[in-house]
Amino acid sequence: MSADCIVKAFSGCSCPAGECMETPLTPAPRAFISWRKQAITCLAFGFLAAIISAAWMETQFRNQDRANQELMSWK
């Protein structure tokens, strides 16, 4: 199969009788996910990561406060 047949098959042009009747060897290009879906997904994962990291930091700071409680002087 020549390159012309592949180009004609993907471009949607009809071929003359007896020419380019084979199916192309390479699959048709796939559509990408839209930029809106990518942006929404990115924001959702970022928000989830912020909540998880804030919860983890809160527990770490609470443990540090308890560990250093005896060292503080309240005059």
N, C-alpha and C. Protein backbone atom coordinates (compact mmCIF):
# COMPACT_ATOMS: atom_id res chain seq x y z
N MET A 1 0.86 -1.17 0.00
CA MET A 1 0.00 0.00 0.00
C MET A 1 0.90 1.23 0.00
N SER A 2 0.60 2.16 -0.83
CA SER A 2 1.43 3.36 -0.92
C SER A 2 0.97 4.40 0.10
N ALA A 3 1.82 5.40 0.26
CA ALA A 3 1.49 6.47 1.20
C ALA A 3 0.28 7.27 0.72
N ASP A 4 0.09 7.35 -0.58
CA ASP A 4 -1.07 8.08 -1.11
C ASP A 4 -2.37 7.44 -0.66
N CYS A 5 -2.38 6.10 -0.61
CA CYS A 5 -3.61 5.41 -0.18
C CYS A 5 -3.94 5.72 1.27
N ILE A 6 -2.91 5.78 2.13
CA ILE A 6 -3.14 6.08 3.55
C ILE A 6 -3.67 7.50 3.68
N VAL A 7 -3.05 8.44 2.96
CA VAL A 7 -3.49 9.83 3.03
C VAL A 7 -4.93 9.96 2.55
N LYS A 8 -5.25 9.30 1.48
CA LYS A 8 -6.62 9.38 0.95
C LYS A 8 -7.62 8.72 1.90
N ALA A 9 -7.21 7.62 2.54
CA ALA A 9 -8.12 6.93 3.44
C ALA A 9 -8.44 7.78 4.66
N PHE A 10 -7.44 8.51 5.19
CA PHE A 10 -7.67 9.32 6.37
C PHE A 10 -8.28 10.67 6.04
N SER A 11 -8.08 11.17 4.84
CA SER A 11 -8.61 12.49 4.52
C SER A 11 -10.08 12.44 4.14
N GLY A 12 -10.60 11.26 3.88
CA GLY A 12 -12.01 11.14 3.57
C GLY A 12 -12.32 11.26 2.09
N CYS A 13 -11.31 11.44 1.25
CA CYS A 13 -11.56 11.53 -0.19
C CYS A 13 -11.84 10.15 -0.74
N SER A 14 -12.78 10.05 -1.62
CA SER A 14 -13.08 8.76 -2.21
C SER A 14 -12.05 8.45 -3.30
N CYS A 15 -11.69 7.20 -3.41
CA CYS A 15 -10.70 6.78 -4.40
C CYS A 15 -11.41 6.31 -5.67
N PRO A 16 -10.75 6.45 -6.80
CA PRO A 16 -11.33 5.92 -8.02
C PRO A 16 -11.46 4.39 -7.94
N ALA A 17 -12.29 3.82 -8.76
CA ALA A 17 -12.52 2.37 -8.73
C ALA A 17 -11.21 1.62 -8.96
N GLY A 18 -10.95 0.65 -8.08
CA GLY A 18 -9.76 -0.17 -8.20
C GLY A 18 -8.51 0.42 -7.57
N GLU A 19 -8.59 1.60 -7.02
CA GLU A 19 -7.41 2.24 -6.43
C GLU A 19 -7.69 2.49 -4.95
N CYS A 20 -6.75 2.11 -4.11
CA CYS A 20 -6.81 2.36 -2.66
C CYS A 20 -8.02 1.70 -2.00
N MET A 21 -8.34 0.50 -2.37
CA MET A 21 -9.48 -0.17 -1.76
C MET A 21 -9.09 -0.90 -0.47
N GLU A 22 -7.79 -0.99 -0.17
CA GLU A 22 -7.35 -1.65 1.05
C GLU A 22 -7.56 -0.72 2.25
N THR A 23 -7.70 -1.31 3.41
CA THR A 23 -7.81 -0.50 4.61
C THR A 23 -6.40 -0.08 5.03
N PRO A 24 -6.23 1.07 5.62
CA PRO A 24 -4.89 1.52 6.01
C PRO A 24 -4.32 0.64 7.11
N LEU A 25 -3.00 0.51 7.12
CA LEU A 25 -2.33 -0.32 8.13
C LEU A 25 -2.28 0.37 9.49
N THR A 26 -2.16 1.68 9.49
CA THR A 26 -2.10 2.40 10.75
C THR A 26 -3.50 2.83 11.16
N PRO A 27 -3.81 2.78 12.46
CA PRO A 27 -5.15 3.19 12.90
C PRO A 27 -5.32 4.71 12.76
N ALA A 28 -6.55 5.11 12.73
CA ALA A 28 -6.86 6.53 12.65
C ALA A 28 -6.43 7.22 13.94
N PRO A 29 -6.03 8.48 13.86
CA PRO A 29 -5.62 9.20 15.08
C PRO A 29 -6.77 9.32 16.07
N ARG A 30 -6.43 9.18 17.37
CA ARG A 30 -7.45 9.27 18.41
C ARG A 30 -7.55 10.69 18.93
N ALA A 31 -8.73 11.06 19.34
CA ALA A 31 -8.95 12.40 19.88
C ALA A 31 -8.42 12.47 21.30
N PHE A 32 -7.83 13.60 21.66
CA PHE A 32 -7.32 13.80 23.00
C PHE A 32 -8.43 14.27 23.92
N ILE A 33 -8.20 14.14 25.23
CA ILE A 33 -9.15 14.65 26.21
C ILE A 33 -9.16 16.17 26.11
N SER A 34 -10.31 16.76 26.22
CA SER A 34 -10.42 18.21 26.07
C SER A 34 -9.66 18.93 27.19
N TRP A 35 -9.28 20.16 26.93
CA TRP A 35 -8.52 20.92 27.91
C TRP A 35 -9.36 21.24 29.14
N ARG A 36 -10.68 21.32 28.97
CA ARG A 36 -11.54 21.58 30.13
C ARG A 36 -11.53 20.40 31.09
N LYS A 37 -11.62 19.18 30.54
CA LYS A 37 -11.57 18.00 31.41
C LYS A 37 -10.21 17.88 32.08
N GLN A 38 -9.15 18.21 31.35
CA GLN A 38 -7.81 18.17 31.94
C GLN A 38 -7.69 19.17 33.07
N ALA A 39 -8.22 20.38 32.87
CA ALA A 39 -8.14 21.41 33.91
C ALA A 39 -8.95 21.03 35.14
N ILE A 40 -10.15 20.50 34.93
CA ILE A 40 -10.99 20.09 36.07
C ILE A 40 -10.32 18.96 36.84
N THR A 41 -9.75 18.00 36.13
CA THR A 41 -9.07 16.89 36.80
C THR A 41 -7.86 17.38 37.58
N CYS A 42 -7.09 18.28 36.98
CA CYS A 42 -5.92 18.83 37.66
C CYS A 42 -6.31 19.58 38.92
N LEU A 43 -7.34 20.40 38.84
CA LEU A 43 -7.80 21.14 40.02
C LEU A 43 -8.32 20.20 41.10
N ALA A 44 -9.04 19.17 40.70
CA ALA A 44 -9.59 18.22 41.68
C ALA A 44 -8.46 17.49 42.41
N PHE A 45 -7.46 17.02 41.67
CA PHE A 45 -6.35 16.33 42.32
C PHE A 45 -5.53 17.29 43.18
N GLY A 46 -5.38 18.53 42.74
CA GLY A 46 -4.66 19.51 43.55
C GLY A 46 -5.39 19.81 44.84
N PHE A 47 -6.71 19.96 44.77
CA PHE A 47 -7.50 20.21 45.97
C PHE A 47 -7.43 19.03 46.93
N LEU A 48 -7.51 17.82 46.40
CA LEU A 48 -7.40 16.63 47.24
C LEU A 48 -6.03 16.54 47.90
N ALA A 49 -4.98 16.83 47.14
CA ALA A 49 -3.63 16.80 47.71
C ALA A 49 -3.47 17.86 48.79
N ALA A 50 -4.07 19.04 48.61
CA ALA A 50 -3.99 20.10 49.62
C ALA A 50 -4.69 19.68 50.91
N ILE A 51 -5.84 19.05 50.79
CA ILE A 51 -6.57 18.61 51.99
C ILE A 51 -5.78 17.53 52.73
N ILE A 52 -5.24 16.57 51.99
CA ILE A 52 -4.49 15.49 52.63
C ILE A 52 -3.23 16.02 53.29
N SER A 53 -2.50 16.91 52.61
CA SER A 53 -1.27 17.44 53.21
C SER A 53 -1.59 18.33 54.41
N ALA A 54 -2.67 19.08 54.37
CA ALA A 54 -3.04 19.91 55.52
C ALA A 54 -3.41 19.05 56.72
N ALA A 55 -4.12 17.96 56.49
CA ALA A 55 -4.47 17.06 57.59
C ALA A 55 -3.22 16.41 58.18
N TRP A 56 -2.28 16.04 57.34
CA TRP A 56 -1.05 15.42 57.83
C TRP A 56 -0.23 16.43 58.62
N MET A 57 -0.12 17.67 58.12
CA MET A 57 0.66 18.70 58.83
C MET A 57 0.01 19.04 60.16
N GLU A 58 -1.32 19.03 60.21
CA GLU A 58 -2.00 19.35 61.47
C GLU A 58 -1.65 18.33 62.55
N THR A 59 -1.62 17.06 62.18
CA THR A 59 -1.26 16.04 63.17
C THR A 59 0.20 16.16 63.58
N GLN A 60 1.07 16.53 62.64
CA GLN A 60 2.48 16.69 62.99
C GLN A 60 2.69 17.85 63.95
N PHE A 61 2.03 18.98 63.70
CA PHE A 61 2.17 20.13 64.58
C PHE A 61 1.58 19.86 65.95
N ARG A 62 0.47 19.11 66.01
CA ARG A 62 -0.13 18.78 67.30
C ARG A 62 0.83 17.93 68.13
N ASN A 63 1.47 16.97 67.46
CA ASN A 63 2.43 16.11 68.18
C ASN A 63 3.64 16.92 68.64
N GLN A 64 4.10 17.88 67.85
CA GLN A 64 5.24 18.70 68.27
C GLN A 64 4.86 19.59 69.44
N ASP A 65 3.64 20.12 69.43
CA ASP A 65 3.20 20.97 70.54
C ASP A 65 3.14 20.18 71.83
N ARG A 66 2.66 18.96 71.79
CA ARG A 66 2.60 18.13 72.98
C ARG A 66 3.99 17.74 73.46
N ALA A 67 4.89 17.50 72.54
CA ALA A 67 6.25 17.10 72.92
C ALA A 67 6.99 18.26 73.56
N ASN A 68 6.73 19.48 73.11
CA ASN A 68 7.44 20.66 73.64
C ASN A 68 6.66 21.39 74.73
N GLN A 69 5.59 20.81 75.21
CA GLN A 69 4.73 21.49 76.17
C GLN A 69 5.45 21.75 77.49
N GLU A 70 6.30 20.81 77.91
CA GLU A 70 7.00 20.98 79.19
C GLU A 70 8.10 22.02 79.09
N LEU A 71 8.56 22.32 77.90
CA LEU A 71 9.65 23.28 77.74
C LEU A 71 9.16 24.72 77.73
N MET A 72 7.88 24.94 77.57
CA MET A 72 7.35 26.30 77.52
C MET A 72 7.19 26.86 78.92
N SER A 73 7.52 28.12 79.08
CA SER A 73 7.33 28.74 80.39
C SER A 73 6.18 29.74 80.28
N TRP A 74 5.23 29.64 81.18
CA TRP A 74 4.06 30.52 81.18
C TRP A 74 4.14 31.44 82.38
N LYS A 75 4.87 32.52 82.26
CA LYS A 75 5.03 33.46 83.37
C LYS A 75 4.06 34.60 83.28
